[in-house]
Amino acid sequence: MARAVNISPFASYTVVPITSAWPPDDDPQTTRVQFSGLTSGKAVLTLIILAMMMMTIVGNALVFLAVLIVRKLKTPQNFLLVSLAVADFFVGLVVMPLALIDLLFDKWPLGSTMCSVYTTADLTLCTASIVNLCAISVDRYLVISRPLQYSAIRTTRRIGWYIACVWITAAVVSISSHIIARFLDDGTFIEDPGTCQVS
């Protein structure tokens, strides 16, 4: 005979046999994913993160749409801003929700596949955002230091090459981190299925 306990919509519920403890102490393979519960501090932090997610998604979508719709904004230098906006948009759409799930649960509840998606997206998009900022800084520096020479070669094609280099760099950083982690694993490290991070 079992009984289901449901305290609140924000608390986990577990079907517990009345006659025995769960999980059995003698079964090392048994793991439970517990919802850590919303304390007042964690509830405030969750609301802040949700607000940041919405601002990140909406703000970067507006940047993208502005350059797409307004003809005067369709200049080569603004394409770097669009690339940055795309990276940050997907950080808010993919990375931040998964990071919030990782924060709320004691252990990673979504399995190894989603963990790989999370860590790969985190590395790729955050690296792309950083390298986009570097490319924008270099572009602005050249405009100021060499206004005549650089303006003549600041074409859409050249900016497209910059953007391609940004995303290729981000992909290389993300993929290489996973390859290096696997290469350095000599078999003695036992991965905890309840954690999700780049080893």
N, C-alpha and C. Protein backbone atom coordinates (compact mmCIF):
# COMPACT_ATOMS: atom_id res chain seq x y z
N MET A 1 0.85 -1.19 0.00
CA MET A 1 0.00 0.00 0.00
C MET A 1 0.89 1.24 0.00
N ALA A 2 0.53 2.22 -0.79
CA ALA A 2 1.35 3.42 -0.91
C ALA A 2 0.48 4.65 -0.76
N ARG A 3 1.13 5.74 -0.41
CA ARG A 3 0.40 6.97 -0.21
C ARG A 3 1.13 8.10 -0.93
N ALA A 4 0.40 8.94 -1.66
CA ALA A 4 1.00 10.07 -2.37
C ALA A 4 0.87 11.31 -1.51
N VAL A 5 1.99 11.98 -1.30
CA VAL A 5 2.01 13.17 -0.47
C VAL A 5 2.27 14.36 -1.36
N ASN A 6 1.38 15.33 -1.37
CA ASN A 6 1.54 16.54 -2.18
C ASN A 6 1.30 17.74 -1.27
N ILE A 7 2.37 18.42 -0.89
CA ILE A 7 2.26 19.51 0.08
C ILE A 7 1.75 20.79 -0.57
N SER A 8 2.36 21.18 -1.69
CA SER A 8 1.94 22.39 -2.38
C SER A 8 2.37 22.30 -3.83
N PRO A 9 1.90 23.21 -4.69
CA PRO A 9 2.34 23.18 -6.09
C PRO A 9 3.82 23.40 -6.26
N PHE A 10 4.49 23.99 -5.24
CA PHE A 10 5.91 24.27 -5.34
C PHE A 10 6.77 23.22 -4.66
N ALA A 11 6.17 22.18 -4.09
CA ALA A 11 6.93 21.15 -3.40
C ALA A 11 6.84 19.85 -4.17
N SER A 12 7.87 19.03 -4.04
CA SER A 12 7.87 17.76 -4.74
C SER A 12 6.93 16.78 -4.04
N TYR A 13 6.44 15.81 -4.79
CA TYR A 13 5.65 14.77 -4.17
C TYR A 13 6.26 13.42 -4.53
N THR A 14 6.18 12.50 -3.62
CA THR A 14 6.80 11.19 -3.78
C THR A 14 5.84 10.12 -3.30
N VAL A 15 5.69 9.06 -4.08
CA VAL A 15 4.88 7.93 -3.66
C VAL A 15 5.73 7.05 -2.76
N VAL A 16 5.34 6.94 -1.49
CA VAL A 16 6.17 6.28 -0.49
C VAL A 16 5.45 5.05 0.05
N PRO A 17 6.07 3.88 -0.05
CA PRO A 17 5.48 2.69 0.59
C PRO A 17 5.43 2.89 2.09
N ILE A 18 4.30 2.51 2.72
CA ILE A 18 4.13 2.71 4.16
C ILE A 18 4.97 1.72 4.95
N THR A 19 5.22 0.56 4.38
CA THR A 19 5.88 -0.50 5.15
C THR A 19 7.39 -0.44 5.09
N SER A 20 7.97 0.37 4.20
CA SER A 20 9.43 0.39 4.08
C SER A 20 9.89 1.78 3.70
N ALA A 21 11.17 2.03 3.97
CA ALA A 21 11.75 3.33 3.63
C ALA A 21 12.03 3.40 2.14
N TRP A 22 12.02 4.61 1.61
CA TRP A 22 12.31 4.80 0.19
C TRP A 22 13.23 6.01 0.03
N PRO A 23 14.31 5.87 -0.76
CA PRO A 23 14.74 4.68 -1.46
C PRO A 23 15.41 3.70 -0.51
N PRO A 24 15.50 2.43 -0.88
CA PRO A 24 16.14 1.45 0.00
C PRO A 24 17.59 1.81 0.24
N ASP A 25 18.02 1.68 1.51
CA ASP A 25 19.38 2.05 1.85
C ASP A 25 20.42 1.13 1.22
N ASP A 26 20.01 -0.09 0.88
CA ASP A 26 20.98 -1.04 0.36
C ASP A 26 21.09 -0.98 -1.16
N ASP A 27 20.40 -0.05 -1.81
CA ASP A 27 20.48 0.05 -3.27
C ASP A 27 21.25 1.30 -3.65
N PRO A 28 22.55 1.18 -3.97
CA PRO A 28 23.36 2.37 -4.28
C PRO A 28 22.98 3.02 -5.59
N GLN A 29 22.25 2.29 -6.47
CA GLN A 29 21.90 2.84 -7.77
C GLN A 29 20.68 3.74 -7.71
N THR A 30 19.97 3.70 -6.59
CA THR A 30 18.73 4.47 -6.49
C THR A 30 19.03 5.92 -6.20
N THR A 31 18.53 6.81 -7.05
CA THR A 31 18.72 8.23 -6.85
C THR A 31 17.39 8.93 -6.97
N ARG A 32 17.26 10.02 -6.24
CA ARG A 32 16.04 10.81 -6.30
C ARG A 32 16.39 12.24 -6.70
N VAL A 33 15.55 12.81 -7.56
CA VAL A 33 15.70 14.21 -7.90
C VAL A 33 14.70 14.99 -7.08
N GLN A 34 15.19 15.73 -6.10
CA GLN A 34 14.33 16.47 -5.20
C GLN A 34 14.26 17.93 -5.62
N PHE A 35 13.05 18.46 -5.60
CA PHE A 35 12.88 19.90 -5.77
C PHE A 35 13.26 20.55 -4.45
N SER A 36 14.24 21.44 -4.51
CA SER A 36 14.82 21.95 -3.27
C SER A 36 13.90 22.88 -2.51
N GLY A 37 12.76 23.25 -3.10
CA GLY A 37 11.81 24.09 -2.39
C GLY A 37 12.11 25.56 -2.56
N LEU A 38 11.09 26.38 -2.52
CA LEU A 38 11.24 27.81 -2.71
C LEU A 38 11.25 28.50 -1.35
N THR A 39 12.43 28.78 -0.85
CA THR A 39 12.53 29.65 0.31
C THR A 39 12.28 31.08 -0.16
N SER A 40 12.14 31.99 0.79
CA SER A 40 11.86 33.37 0.41
C SER A 40 12.99 33.97 -0.42
N GLY A 41 14.24 33.65 -0.04
CA GLY A 41 15.38 34.15 -0.80
C GLY A 41 15.44 33.58 -2.20
N LYS A 42 15.19 32.27 -2.30
CA LYS A 42 15.23 31.63 -3.61
C LYS A 42 14.06 32.08 -4.48
N ALA A 43 12.91 32.37 -3.87
CA ALA A 43 11.76 32.86 -4.63
C ALA A 43 12.06 34.23 -5.23
N VAL A 44 12.69 35.10 -4.44
CA VAL A 44 13.06 36.41 -4.95
C VAL A 44 14.08 36.28 -6.07
N LEU A 45 15.07 35.39 -5.88
CA LEU A 45 16.09 35.17 -6.91
C LEU A 45 15.46 34.63 -8.19
N THR A 46 14.49 33.72 -8.04
CA THR A 46 13.80 33.17 -9.21
C THR A 46 13.07 34.26 -9.98
N LEU A 47 12.37 35.14 -9.26
CA LEU A 47 11.66 36.24 -9.92
C LEU A 47 12.63 37.18 -10.63
N ILE A 48 13.77 37.44 -10.01
CA ILE A 48 14.77 38.30 -10.65
C ILE A 48 15.29 37.66 -11.93
N ILE A 49 15.57 36.35 -11.87
CA ILE A 49 16.09 35.66 -13.05
C ILE A 49 15.03 35.63 -14.16
N LEU A 50 13.77 35.39 -13.80
CA LEU A 50 12.70 35.40 -14.80
C LEU A 50 12.56 36.77 -15.45
N ALA A 51 12.68 37.82 -14.65
CA ALA A 51 12.61 39.18 -15.20
C ALA A 51 13.79 39.44 -16.13
N MET A 52 14.98 38.99 -15.74
CA MET A 52 16.16 39.15 -16.59
C MET A 52 16.01 38.37 -17.89
N MET A 53 15.43 37.18 -17.81
CA MET A 53 15.20 36.39 -19.01
C MET A 53 14.29 37.12 -19.98
N MET A 54 13.18 37.67 -19.47
CA MET A 54 12.24 38.38 -20.32
C MET A 54 12.89 39.62 -20.95
N MET A 55 13.63 40.38 -20.15
CA MET A 55 14.30 41.57 -20.68
C MET A 55 15.34 41.19 -21.73
N THR A 56 16.07 40.10 -21.48
CA THR A 56 17.09 39.66 -22.44
C THR A 56 16.45 39.25 -23.76
N ILE A 57 15.39 38.47 -23.69
CA ILE A 57 14.74 37.99 -24.91
C ILE A 57 14.08 39.13 -25.68
N VAL A 58 13.27 39.94 -24.98
CA VAL A 58 12.54 41.02 -25.65
C VAL A 58 13.50 42.10 -26.15
N GLY A 59 14.46 42.49 -25.33
CA GLY A 59 15.39 43.56 -25.73
C GLY A 59 16.20 43.20 -26.96
N ASN A 60 16.74 41.99 -26.99
CA ASN A 60 17.56 41.59 -28.14
C ASN A 60 16.71 41.32 -29.37
N ALA A 61 15.48 40.86 -29.18
CA ALA A 61 14.57 40.70 -30.31
C ALA A 61 14.25 42.06 -30.93
N LEU A 62 14.09 43.08 -30.11
CA LEU A 62 13.82 44.43 -30.62
C LEU A 62 15.01 44.98 -31.41
N VAL A 63 16.22 44.70 -30.93
CA VAL A 63 17.42 45.13 -31.67
C VAL A 63 17.44 44.48 -33.05
N PHE A 64 17.19 43.18 -33.09
CA PHE A 64 17.19 42.45 -34.36
C PHE A 64 16.11 43.00 -35.30
N LEU A 65 14.91 43.20 -34.77
CA LEU A 65 13.81 43.69 -35.60
C LEU A 65 14.05 45.11 -36.08
N ALA A 66 14.66 45.94 -35.25
CA ALA A 66 14.94 47.32 -35.65
C ALA A 66 15.86 47.38 -36.86
N VAL A 67 16.93 46.58 -36.82
CA VAL A 67 17.86 46.56 -37.96
C VAL A 67 17.20 45.92 -39.18
N LEU A 68 16.32 44.97 -38.95
CA LEU A 68 15.66 44.29 -40.06
C LEU A 68 14.62 45.18 -40.73
N ILE A 69 13.93 45.99 -39.96
CA ILE A 69 12.81 46.77 -40.50
C ILE A 69 13.23 48.16 -40.97
N VAL A 70 14.05 48.85 -40.18
CA VAL A 70 14.43 50.22 -40.50
C VAL A 70 15.56 50.22 -41.52
N ARG A 71 15.32 50.84 -42.66
CA ARG A 71 16.30 50.80 -43.75
C ARG A 71 17.59 51.52 -43.39
N LYS A 72 17.49 52.63 -42.66
CA LYS A 72 18.68 53.40 -42.32
C LYS A 72 19.63 52.64 -41.38
N LEU A 73 19.10 51.65 -40.69
CA LEU A 73 19.94 50.87 -39.78
C LEU A 73 20.63 49.69 -40.46
N LYS A 74 20.31 49.44 -41.72
CA LYS A 74 20.91 48.30 -42.43
C LYS A 74 22.27 48.69 -42.97
N THR A 75 23.19 48.95 -42.06
CA THR A 75 24.57 49.29 -42.41
C THR A 75 25.49 48.19 -41.92
N PRO A 76 26.67 48.04 -42.53
CA PRO A 76 27.57 46.94 -42.15
C PRO A 76 27.92 46.90 -40.67
N GLN A 77 28.15 48.08 -40.07
CA GLN A 77 28.56 48.08 -38.66
C GLN A 77 27.46 47.57 -37.74
N ASN A 78 26.20 47.75 -38.14
CA ASN A 78 25.10 47.27 -37.31
C ASN A 78 24.90 45.77 -37.40
N PHE A 79 25.48 45.13 -38.41
CA PHE A 79 25.36 43.68 -38.51
C PHE A 79 26.10 42.98 -37.37
N LEU A 80 27.16 43.60 -36.89
CA LEU A 80 27.85 43.06 -35.71
C LEU A 80 26.94 43.14 -34.48
N LEU A 81 26.18 44.23 -34.38
CA LEU A 81 25.23 44.36 -33.27
C LEU A 81 24.13 43.30 -33.37
N VAL A 82 23.70 42.99 -34.60
CA VAL A 82 22.70 41.94 -34.79
C VAL A 82 23.26 40.58 -34.36
N SER A 83 24.51 40.31 -34.71
CA SER A 83 25.14 39.05 -34.30
C SER A 83 25.20 38.95 -32.78
N LEU A 84 25.56 40.05 -32.12
CA LEU A 84 25.57 40.08 -30.66
C LEU A 84 24.17 39.87 -30.09
N ALA A 85 23.17 40.52 -30.70
CA ALA A 85 21.80 40.38 -30.24
C ALA A 85 21.29 38.95 -30.39
N VAL A 86 21.67 38.28 -31.48
CA VAL A 86 21.25 36.89 -31.69
C VAL A 86 21.85 35.99 -30.61
N ALA A 87 23.13 36.18 -30.31
CA ALA A 87 23.78 35.38 -29.27
C ALA A 87 23.10 35.59 -27.91
N ASP A 88 22.87 36.84 -27.55
CA ASP A 88 22.26 37.13 -26.26
C ASP A 88 20.80 36.70 -26.21
N PHE A 89 20.10 36.77 -27.35
CA PHE A 89 18.71 36.31 -27.41
C PHE A 89 18.61 34.83 -27.06
N PHE A 90 19.50 34.02 -27.63
CA PHE A 90 19.45 32.60 -27.34
C PHE A 90 20.02 32.25 -25.97
N VAL A 91 20.85 33.13 -25.42
CA VAL A 91 21.25 32.94 -24.02
C VAL A 91 20.02 33.05 -23.12
N GLY A 92 19.19 34.06 -23.38
CA GLY A 92 17.97 34.21 -22.59
C GLY A 92 16.93 33.15 -22.86
N LEU A 93 16.91 32.63 -24.09
CA LEU A 93 15.89 31.66 -24.46
C LEU A 93 16.24 30.23 -24.08
N VAL A 94 17.52 29.89 -24.12
CA VAL A 94 17.95 28.50 -23.91
C VAL A 94 18.75 28.33 -22.62
N VAL A 95 19.78 29.13 -22.45
CA VAL A 95 20.73 28.92 -21.35
C VAL A 95 20.13 29.31 -20.01
N MET A 96 19.52 30.47 -19.92
CA MET A 96 19.02 30.95 -18.64
C MET A 96 17.89 30.10 -18.06
N PRO A 97 16.93 29.61 -18.88
CA PRO A 97 15.92 28.71 -18.30
C PRO A 97 16.51 27.42 -17.75
N LEU A 98 17.48 26.84 -18.46
CA LEU A 98 18.11 25.61 -17.98
C LEU A 98 18.96 25.88 -16.73
N ALA A 99 19.58 27.05 -16.67
CA ALA A 99 20.33 27.41 -15.47
C ALA A 99 19.39 27.59 -14.28
N LEU A 100 18.20 28.11 -14.54
CA LEU A 100 17.21 28.26 -13.46
C LEU A 100 16.75 26.90 -12.95
N ILE A 101 16.55 25.95 -13.86
CA ILE A 101 16.18 24.59 -13.45
C ILE A 101 17.29 23.97 -12.60
N ASP A 102 18.53 24.17 -13.02
CA ASP A 102 19.66 23.64 -12.26
C ASP A 102 19.73 24.27 -10.87
N LEU A 103 19.31 25.52 -10.77
CA LEU A 103 19.32 26.21 -9.48
C LEU A 103 18.22 25.70 -8.55
N LEU A 104 17.05 25.41 -9.09
CA LEU A 104 15.91 25.06 -8.26
C LEU A 104 15.93 23.62 -7.76
N PHE A 105 16.60 22.73 -8.48
CA PHE A 105 16.62 21.32 -8.10
C PHE A 105 17.95 20.96 -7.43
N ASP A 106 17.86 20.04 -6.48
CA ASP A 106 19.08 19.57 -5.81
C ASP A 106 20.01 18.86 -6.77
N LYS A 107 19.41 18.11 -7.72
CA LYS A 107 20.19 17.39 -8.72
C LYS A 107 19.60 17.69 -10.10
N TRP A 108 20.45 17.54 -11.13
CA TRP A 108 20.01 17.82 -12.50
C TRP A 108 18.91 16.83 -12.90
N PRO A 109 17.69 17.33 -13.23
CA PRO A 109 16.56 16.43 -13.43
C PRO A 109 16.29 16.04 -14.88
N LEU A 110 17.03 16.59 -15.84
CA LEU A 110 16.64 16.45 -17.25
C LEU A 110 17.46 15.43 -18.03
N GLY A 111 18.38 14.75 -17.39
CA GLY A 111 19.13 13.70 -18.08
C GLY A 111 20.38 14.21 -18.77
N SER A 112 21.17 13.26 -19.27
CA SER A 112 22.48 13.59 -19.85
C SER A 112 22.37 14.32 -21.18
N THR A 113 21.33 14.02 -21.97
CA THR A 113 21.20 14.67 -23.28
C THR A 113 20.96 16.17 -23.12
N MET A 114 20.02 16.52 -22.25
CA MET A 114 19.75 17.93 -22.02
C MET A 114 20.91 18.61 -21.31
N CYS A 115 21.65 17.86 -20.52
CA CYS A 115 22.85 18.42 -19.89
C CYS A 115 23.87 18.81 -20.96
N SER A 116 24.05 17.93 -21.95
CA SER A 116 24.96 18.25 -23.06
C SER A 116 24.49 19.46 -23.84
N VAL A 117 23.17 19.54 -24.07
CA VAL A 117 22.61 20.71 -24.76
C VAL A 117 22.89 21.98 -23.95
N TYR A 118 22.67 21.89 -22.65
CA TYR A 118 22.85 23.05 -21.77
C TYR A 118 24.30 23.53 -21.76
N THR A 119 25.24 22.62 -21.52
CA THR A 119 26.64 23.02 -21.42
C THR A 119 27.18 23.51 -22.77
N THR A 120 26.77 22.84 -23.86
CA THR A 120 27.24 23.25 -25.19
C THR A 120 26.68 24.62 -25.56
N ALA A 121 25.38 24.82 -25.32
CA ALA A 121 24.77 26.11 -25.62
C ALA A 121 25.38 27.22 -24.76
N ASP A 122 25.62 26.91 -23.50
CA ASP A 122 26.20 27.90 -22.59
C ASP A 122 27.58 28.35 -23.09
N LEU A 123 28.44 27.38 -23.39
CA LEU A 123 29.78 27.71 -23.87
C LEU A 123 29.74 28.44 -25.21
N THR A 124 28.94 27.93 -26.14
CA THR A 124 28.91 28.51 -27.49
C THR A 124 28.37 29.93 -27.47
N LEU A 125 27.21 30.12 -26.85
CA LEU A 125 26.54 31.41 -26.91
C LEU A 125 27.26 32.47 -26.08
N CYS A 126 27.74 32.10 -24.91
CA CYS A 126 28.46 33.07 -24.09
C CYS A 126 29.79 33.46 -24.74
N THR A 127 30.48 32.49 -25.34
CA THR A 127 31.71 32.80 -26.06
C THR A 127 31.43 33.69 -27.26
N ALA A 128 30.35 33.38 -27.99
CA ALA A 128 29.98 34.21 -29.14
C ALA A 128 29.67 35.63 -28.71
N SER A 129 29.00 35.78 -27.60
CA SER A 129 28.68 37.12 -27.08
C SER A 129 29.95 37.89 -26.75
N ILE A 130 30.90 37.23 -26.09
CA ILE A 130 32.15 37.89 -25.72
C ILE A 130 32.96 38.27 -26.96
N VAL A 131 33.08 37.33 -27.91
CA VAL A 131 33.88 37.60 -29.11
C VAL A 131 33.20 38.66 -29.98
N ASN A 132 31.86 38.68 -30.01
CA ASN A 132 31.15 39.74 -30.72
C ASN A 132 31.50 41.11 -30.15
N LEU A 133 31.55 41.21 -28.81
CA LEU A 133 31.93 42.47 -28.18
C LEU A 133 33.36 42.86 -28.55
N CYS A 134 34.25 41.88 -28.61
CA CYS A 134 35.63 42.16 -29.03
C CYS A 134 35.68 42.67 -30.47
N ALA A 135 34.90 42.02 -31.35
CA ALA A 135 34.87 42.43 -32.76
C ALA A 135 34.30 43.85 -32.90
N ILE A 136 33.26 44.16 -32.14
CA ILE A 136 32.68 45.50 -32.18
C ILE A 136 33.70 46.52 -31.69
N SER A 137 34.44 46.19 -30.64
CA SER A 137 35.46 47.10 -30.10
C SER A 137 36.56 47.37 -31.13
N VAL A 138 37.03 46.30 -31.78
CA VAL A 138 38.08 46.46 -32.80
C VAL A 138 37.55 47.28 -33.97
N ASP A 139 36.31 47.03 -34.37
CA ASP A 139 35.70 47.77 -35.47
C ASP A 139 35.62 49.26 -35.13
N ARG A 140 35.17 49.58 -33.93
CA ARG A 140 35.06 50.99 -33.54
C ARG A 140 36.45 51.64 -33.42
N TYR A 141 37.42 50.88 -32.94
CA TYR A 141 38.78 51.41 -32.82
C TYR A 141 39.35 51.77 -34.20
N LEU A 142 39.14 50.90 -35.18
CA LEU A 142 39.66 51.16 -36.52
C LEU A 142 38.95 52.34 -37.17
N VAL A 143 37.66 52.49 -36.89
CA VAL A 143 36.92 53.63 -37.43
C VAL A 143 37.49 54.94 -36.90
N ILE A 144 37.86 54.94 -35.61
CA ILE A 144 38.38 56.17 -34.99
C ILE A 144 39.83 56.42 -35.38
N SER A 145 40.65 55.38 -35.38
CA SER A 145 42.09 55.55 -35.62
C SER A 145 42.43 55.68 -37.11
N ARG A 146 41.66 55.03 -37.97
CA ARG A 146 41.90 55.09 -39.42
C ARG A 146 40.58 55.35 -40.15
N PRO A 147 40.02 56.52 -39.99
CA PRO A 147 38.68 56.76 -40.51
C PRO A 147 38.57 56.65 -42.02
N LEU A 148 39.53 57.17 -42.76
CA LEU A 148 39.43 57.16 -44.22
C LEU A 148 39.75 55.79 -44.80
N GLN A 149 40.86 55.20 -44.36
CA GLN A 149 41.26 53.91 -44.92
C GLN A 149 40.25 52.81 -44.57
N TYR A 150 39.84 52.76 -43.29
CA TYR A 150 38.98 51.66 -42.86
C TYR A 150 37.56 51.80 -43.40
N SER A 151 37.07 53.02 -43.51
CA SER A 151 35.71 53.22 -44.03
C SER A 151 35.59 52.74 -45.47
N ALA A 152 36.70 52.82 -46.21
CA ALA A 152 36.67 52.38 -47.61
C ALA A 152 36.56 50.87 -47.74
N ILE A 153 37.07 50.13 -46.75
CA ILE A 153 37.06 48.67 -46.84
C ILE A 153 36.04 48.05 -45.89
N ARG A 154 35.26 48.87 -45.22
CA ARG A 154 34.27 48.37 -44.26
C ARG A 154 32.98 48.02 -45.01
N THR A 155 33.05 46.93 -45.73
CA THR A 155 31.94 46.51 -46.57
C THR A 155 31.11 45.44 -45.85
N THR A 156 29.95 45.16 -46.44
CA THR A 156 29.09 44.10 -45.88
C THR A 156 29.80 42.75 -45.91
N ARG A 157 30.54 42.50 -46.96
CA ARG A 157 31.25 41.22 -47.07
C ARG A 157 32.31 41.08 -45.98
N ARG A 158 33.05 42.15 -45.72
CA ARG A 158 34.09 42.09 -44.68
C ARG A 158 33.46 41.89 -43.30
N ILE A 159 32.39 42.59 -43.02
CA ILE A 159 31.71 42.41 -41.74
C ILE A 159 31.15 41.00 -41.64
N GLY A 160 30.67 40.45 -42.77
CA GLY A 160 30.20 39.06 -42.77
C GLY A 160 31.31 38.09 -42.40
N TRP A 161 32.52 38.36 -42.88
CA TRP A 161 33.66 37.53 -42.50
C TRP A 161 33.95 37.65 -41.00
N TYR A 162 33.83 38.86 -40.47
CA TYR A 162 34.02 39.05 -39.03
C TYR A 162 33.03 38.19 -38.24
N ILE A 163 31.77 38.25 -38.67
CA ILE A 163 30.73 37.50 -37.95
C ILE A 163 30.97 36.00 -38.06
N ALA A 164 31.39 35.55 -39.24
CA ALA A 164 31.69 34.12 -39.41
C ALA A 164 32.83 33.70 -38.49
N CYS A 165 33.86 34.53 -38.38
CA CYS A 165 34.98 34.22 -37.50
C CYS A 165 34.54 34.17 -36.04
N VAL A 166 33.62 35.06 -35.67
CA VAL A 166 33.10 35.07 -34.30
C VAL A 166 32.44 33.74 -33.96
N TRP A 167 31.54 33.27 -34.82
CA TRP A 167 30.79 32.06 -34.52
C TRP A 167 31.63 30.80 -34.67
N ILE A 168 32.59 30.82 -35.58
CA ILE A 168 33.51 29.68 -35.70
C ILE A 168 34.36 29.58 -34.43
N THR A 169 34.84 30.71 -33.94
CA THR A 169 35.62 30.73 -32.70
C THR A 169 34.81 30.19 -31.54
N ALA A 170 33.54 30.62 -31.45
CA ALA A 170 32.68 30.15 -30.36
C ALA A 170 32.46 28.64 -30.45
N ALA A 171 32.23 28.14 -31.68
CA ALA A 171 32.02 26.70 -31.85
C ALA A 171 33.27 25.91 -31.50
N VAL A 172 34.44 26.42 -31.89
CA VAL A 172 35.70 25.72 -31.59
C VAL A 172 35.94 25.66 -30.09
N VAL A 173 35.68 26.77 -29.39
CA VAL A 173 35.85 26.79 -27.93
C VAL A 173 34.92 25.79 -27.26
N SER A 174 33.67 25.75 -27.71
CA SER A 174 32.69 24.85 -27.10
C SER A 174 33.04 23.39 -27.35
N ILE A 175 33.33 23.05 -28.60
CA ILE A 175 33.62 21.66 -28.94
C ILE A 175 34.93 21.20 -28.32
N SER A 176 35.94 22.08 -28.34
CA SER A 176 37.25 21.68 -27.81
C SER A 176 37.20 21.42 -26.31
N SER A 177 36.34 22.15 -25.58
CA SER A 177 36.24 21.92 -24.15
C SER A 177 35.72 20.52 -23.85
N HIS A 178 34.74 20.05 -24.65
CA HIS A 178 34.23 18.70 -24.46
C HIS A 178 35.28 17.65 -24.86
N ILE A 179 35.99 17.93 -25.95
CA ILE A 179 37.02 16.98 -26.40
C ILE A 179 38.14 16.88 -25.37
N ILE A 180 38.58 18.02 -24.84
CA ILE A 180 39.65 18.02 -23.84
C ILE A 180 39.21 17.29 -22.58
N ALA A 181 37.95 17.51 -22.17
CA ALA A 181 37.44 16.83 -20.98
C ALA A 181 37.45 15.32 -21.16
N ARG A 182 37.05 14.86 -22.34
CA ARG A 182 37.07 13.41 -22.60
C ARG A 182 38.50 12.89 -22.70
N PHE A 183 39.40 13.69 -23.28
CA PHE A 183 40.78 13.26 -23.45
C PHE A 183 41.49 13.12 -22.11
N LEU A 184 41.20 14.05 -21.18
CA LEU A 184 41.86 14.03 -19.87
C LEU A 184 41.25 13.01 -18.91
N ASP A 185 40.08 12.47 -19.27
CA ASP A 185 39.44 11.49 -18.40
C ASP A 185 40.15 10.15 -18.56
N ASP A 186 40.86 9.72 -17.51
CA ASP A 186 41.61 8.46 -17.58
C ASP A 186 40.82 7.27 -17.06
N GLY A 187 39.53 7.48 -16.81
CA GLY A 187 38.68 6.39 -16.34
C GLY A 187 38.53 6.34 -14.84
N THR A 188 39.33 7.12 -14.12
CA THR A 188 39.23 7.11 -12.66
C THR A 188 38.15 8.07 -12.15
N PHE A 189 37.76 9.03 -13.01
CA PHE A 189 36.73 9.98 -12.60
C PHE A 189 35.36 9.39 -12.86
N ILE A 190 34.54 9.33 -11.84
CA ILE A 190 33.18 8.83 -11.96
C ILE A 190 32.23 10.01 -11.95
N GLU A 191 31.53 10.19 -13.06
CA GLU A 191 30.64 11.34 -13.18
C GLU A 191 29.38 11.14 -12.36
N ASP A 192 29.02 12.15 -11.63
CA ASP A 192 27.79 12.12 -10.84
C ASP A 192 26.62 12.44 -11.76
N PRO A 193 25.66 11.50 -11.93
CA PRO A 193 24.55 11.76 -12.83
C PRO A 193 23.65 12.90 -12.35
N GLY A 194 23.79 13.30 -11.11
CA GLY A 194 22.96 14.37 -10.58
C GLY A 194 23.53 15.76 -10.81
N THR A 195 24.73 15.86 -11.41
CA THR A 195 25.34 17.16 -11.67
C THR A 195 25.40 17.38 -13.17
N CYS A 196 25.39 18.64 -13.56
CA CYS A 196 25.50 18.99 -14.98
C CYS A 196 26.49 20.13 -15.10
N GLN A 197 27.69 19.79 -15.57
CA GLN A 197 28.72 20.78 -15.77
C GLN A 197 29.75 20.22 -16.72
N VAL A 198 30.55 21.10 -17.31
CA VAL A 198 31.65 20.66 -18.16
C VAL A 198 32.75 20.16 -17.27
N SER A 199 33.08 18.88 -17.39
CA SER A 199 34.07 18.27 -16.49
C SER A 199 35.47 18.78 -16.81
